[in-house]
Protein backbone atom coordinates (compact mmCIF):
# COMPACT_ATOMS: atom_id res chain seq x y z
CA GLY A 1 74.53 -51.34 10.02
CA LYS A 2 75.38 -49.94 6.61
CA PHE A 3 72.27 -47.75 6.31
CA TYR A 4 72.78 -46.28 9.77
CA ASP A 5 76.44 -45.56 9.02
CA GLN A 6 75.54 -43.82 5.75
CA CYS A 7 72.79 -41.72 7.32
CA PRO A 8 73.94 -39.68 10.32
CA PRO A 9 71.15 -37.74 12.08
CA ALA A 10 72.21 -34.43 10.47
CA LEU A 11 71.77 -35.80 6.93
CA ALA A 12 68.77 -34.35 5.07
CA PRO A 13 65.67 -36.60 5.10
CA VAL A 14 65.46 -36.64 1.29
CA THR A 15 69.07 -37.81 1.06
CA LYS A 16 68.34 -40.57 3.60
CA ALA A 17 65.32 -41.64 1.54
CA GLU A 18 67.42 -41.77 -1.63
CA ILE A 19 70.02 -43.95 0.10
CA LEU A 20 67.29 -46.24 1.45
CA GLU A 21 65.62 -46.52 -1.98
CA THR A 22 68.86 -47.72 -3.58
CA ASP A 23 69.96 -50.15 -0.84
CA ASN A 24 69.86 -53.59 -2.49
CA LYS A 25 70.16 -55.50 0.79
CA ILE A 26 67.12 -53.76 2.29
CA GLU A 27 65.23 -54.37 -0.95
CA SER A 28 66.02 -58.08 -0.97
CA LEU A 29 65.12 -58.46 2.73
CA HIS A 30 61.85 -56.60 2.14
CA ASP A 31 61.02 -58.74 -0.89
CA ALA A 32 61.74 -61.93 1.04
CA ALA A 33 59.57 -60.86 3.96
CA THR A 34 56.63 -59.67 1.88
CA SER A 35 56.58 -62.47 -0.69
CA ASP A 36 56.02 -65.20 1.90
CA SER A 37 52.32 -66.09 1.95
CA SER A 38 52.38 -66.34 5.75
CA ASN A 39 52.99 -62.57 5.85
CA SER A 40 50.12 -61.58 3.56
CA THR A 41 47.31 -59.49 5.01
CA SER A 42 43.87 -58.36 3.95
CA ARG A 43 42.33 -54.95 4.51
CA GLY A 44 39.14 -56.68 5.56
CA ASN A 45 35.90 -54.84 6.11
CA ILE A 46 35.92 -51.70 8.29
CA GLU A 47 32.88 -53.09 10.13
CA ASP A 48 34.53 -56.42 11.03
CA ARG A 49 35.39 -57.01 14.68
CA VAL A 50 39.16 -56.91 14.95
CA THR A 51 40.98 -58.29 17.97
CA THR A 52 44.48 -57.25 16.87
CA HIS A 53 45.05 -54.22 14.70
CA PHE A 54 47.87 -51.74 14.26
CA VAL A 55 47.67 -48.05 13.43
CA SER A 56 50.31 -45.35 13.42
CA LEU A 57 50.01 -41.91 15.00
CA VAL A 58 52.32 -39.42 13.31
CA HIS A 59 53.23 -35.74 13.40
CA VAL A 60 52.88 -34.02 10.00
CA ASP A 61 52.98 -30.24 9.54
CA GLY A 62 51.79 -29.53 13.08
CA GLY A 63 48.98 -32.10 13.03
CA LEU A 64 48.54 -35.46 14.76
CA TYR A 65 47.37 -38.01 12.18
CA GLU A 66 46.17 -41.58 12.50
CA LEU A 67 47.30 -43.84 9.66
CA ASP A 68 45.12 -46.92 9.41
CA GLY A 69 45.16 -49.20 6.37
CA ARG A 70 41.50 -50.06 6.96
CA LYS A 71 40.45 -46.42 6.48
CA ALA A 72 40.39 -44.59 3.16
CA ASP A 73 42.25 -41.51 4.43
CA PRO A 74 44.39 -40.32 7.35
CA VAL A 75 42.41 -39.06 10.36
CA ARG A 76 43.49 -35.77 11.92
CA HIS A 77 43.29 -35.80 15.73
CA GLY A 78 44.25 -32.17 16.32
CA ASP A 79 47.49 -30.28 16.71
CA THR A 80 50.82 -31.63 17.95
CA SER A 81 54.54 -30.93 17.74
CA GLU A 82 57.74 -32.95 17.84
CA SER A 83 58.04 -32.23 21.56
CA THR A 84 54.43 -33.14 22.44
CA LEU A 85 53.79 -36.02 20.00
CA LEU A 86 54.10 -38.76 22.61
CA GLN A 87 51.76 -37.09 25.11
CA ASP A 88 49.23 -36.17 22.41
CA ALA A 89 49.32 -39.66 20.87
CA CYS A 90 48.79 -41.22 24.32
CA LYS A 91 45.59 -39.17 24.69
CA VAL A 92 44.30 -40.51 21.38
CA VAL A 93 45.20 -44.08 22.35
CA ALA A 94 43.39 -43.62 25.69
CA GLU A 95 40.26 -42.61 23.74
CA PHE A 96 40.62 -45.72 21.55
CA MET A 97 40.84 -47.86 24.67
CA LYS A 98 37.74 -46.28 26.21
CA ARG A 99 35.83 -46.90 23.00
CA ASP A 100 36.92 -50.51 22.69
């Protein structure tokens, strides 16, 4: 697509972000998807039992962080790197599964 063509892998991340921020087609698609009431979500209560929930595990500055909209802040799960992110994230997910 257009965004992919404008943003080769070697392009600086900030430049990619600037291109993404000014892409009218992506903006209109986003607005259409998020304005539909069937797509609205609620943070809910952190103590509520949740049967389906999504979090993201990301690598930032050498750390493995959990991003969860139901929590006030990111949760650091230790060190990681670009080359070990998948293995380290799988360990965290395995702990989640044991707990649940």
